Amino acid sequence: MATSYESENDLAEALRRAEKAHGEHEQRTGKADPDWPEWYALYMVRERAGEELPT
């Protein structure tokens, strides 16, 4: 699925939201996630598409 952002600021804000959500994910799992880039990508694509977000 193609995902685009309107501006650098729009992309930066999406990254900040993903970072916050991923921090909560790591707290729930109790461990660092070495696959965080994939998790961020999934979160950001789903968020933009209005789909269910990963937990």
C-alpha atoms as a PDB file:
ATOM      1  CA  MET A   1       0.000   0.000   0.000  1.00  0.00           C
ATOM      2  CA  ALA A   2       1.363   3.389  -0.940  1.00  0.00           C
ATOM      3  CA  THR A   3       1.646   5.927   1.845  1.00  0.00           C
ATOM      4  CA  SER A   4       2.554   9.564   1.479  1.00  0.00           C
ATOM      5  CA  TYR A   5       2.951  12.583   3.710  1.00  0.00           C
ATOM      6  CA  GLU A   6       2.172  16.166   2.832  1.00  0.00           C
ATOM      7  CA  SER A   7       5.335  17.698   4.285  1.00  0.00           C
ATOM      8  CA  GLU A   8       8.454  17.057   6.314  1.00  0.00           C
ATOM      9  CA  ASN A   9       6.555  18.207   9.394  1.00  0.00           C
ATOM     10  CA  ASP A  10       3.701  15.784   8.649  1.00  0.00           C
ATOM     11  CA  LEU A  11       6.189  12.912   8.380  1.00  0.00           C
ATOM     12  CA  ALA A  12       8.035  13.995  11.529  1.00  0.00           C
ATOM     13  CA  GLU A  13       4.774  14.075  13.485  1.00  0.00           C
ATOM     14  CA  ALA A  14       3.910  10.572  12.233  1.00  0.00           C
ATOM     15  CA  LEU A  15       7.323   9.356  13.392  1.00  0.00           C
ATOM     16  CA  ARG A  16       6.754  10.907  16.832  1.00  0.00           C
ATOM     17  CA  ARG A  17       3.380   9.170  17.159  1.00  0.00           C
ATOM     18  CA  ALA A  18       4.949   5.868  16.100  1.00  0.00           C
ATOM     19  CA  GLU A  19       7.785   6.362  18.590  1.00  0.00           C
ATOM     20  CA  LYS A  20       5.327   6.946  21.439  1.00  0.00           C
ATOM     21  CA  ALA A  21       3.190   3.948  20.495  1.00  0.00           C
ATOM     22  CA  HIS A  22       6.263   1.761  20.094  1.00  0.00           C
ATOM     23  CA  GLY A  23       7.509   2.759  23.547  1.00  0.00           C
ATOM     24  CA  GLU A  24       4.180   1.590  24.962  1.00  0.00           C
ATOM     25  CA  HIS A  25       4.517  -1.637  22.942  1.00  0.00           C
ATOM     26  CA  GLU A  26       7.961  -2.305  24.426  1.00  0.00           C
ATOM     27  CA  GLN A  27       6.649  -1.610  27.938  1.00  0.00           C
ATOM     28  CA  ARG A  28       3.866  -4.177  27.409  1.00  0.00           C
ATOM     29  CA  THR A  29       6.259  -6.810  26.079  1.00  0.00           C
ATOM     30  CA  GLY A  30       8.935  -6.012  28.655  1.00  0.00           C
ATOM     31  CA  LYS A  31      11.765  -6.124  26.132  1.00  0.00           C
ATOM     32  CA  ALA A  32      13.448  -4.105  23.441  1.00  0.00           C
ATOM     33  CA  ASP A  33      12.170  -4.726  19.932  1.00  0.00           C
ATOM     34  CA  PRO A  34      15.051  -5.261  17.482  1.00  0.00           C
ATOM     35  CA  ASP A  35      12.551  -5.138  14.592  1.00  0.00           C
ATOM     36  CA  TRP A  36      11.400  -1.623  15.463  1.00  0.00           C
ATOM     37  CA  PRO A  37      11.797  -0.283  11.889  1.00  0.00           C
ATOM     38  CA  GLU A  38       9.240  -2.812  10.622  1.00  0.00           C
ATOM     39  CA  TRP A  39       6.912  -2.002  13.538  1.00  0.00           C
ATOM     40  CA  TYR A  40       7.173   1.740  12.846  1.00  0.00           C
ATOM     41  CA  ALA A  41       6.495   1.185   9.144  1.00  0.00           C
ATOM     42  CA  LEU A  42       3.443  -0.958   9.835  1.00  0.00           C
ATOM     43  CA  TYR A  43       2.121   1.567  12.359  1.00  0.00           C
ATOM     44  CA  MET A  44       2.605   4.523  10.040  1.00  0.00           C
ATOM     45  CA  VAL A  45       1.052   2.840   6.995  1.00  0.00           C
ATOM     46  CA  ARG A  46      -1.949   1.597   8.974  1.00  0.00           C
ATOM     47  CA  GLU A  47      -2.422   4.944  10.717  1.00  0.00           C
ATOM     48  CA  ARG A  48      -2.444   6.778   7.386  1.00  0.00           C
ATOM     49  CA  ALA A  49      -4.900   4.222   5.926  1.00  0.00           C
ATOM     50  CA  GLY A  50      -7.213   4.454   8.946  1.00  0.00           C
ATOM     51  CA  GLU A  51      -6.715   0.773   9.740  1.00  0.00           C
ATOM     52  CA  GLU A  52      -6.291  -0.988  13.086  1.00  0.00           C
ATOM     53  CA  LEU A  53      -2.946  -0.086  14.629  1.00  0.00           C
ATOM     54  CA  PRO A  54      -0.461  -2.664  15.924  1.00  0.00           C
ATOM     55  CA  THR A  55      -0.188  -3.052  19.679  1.00  0.00           C
END
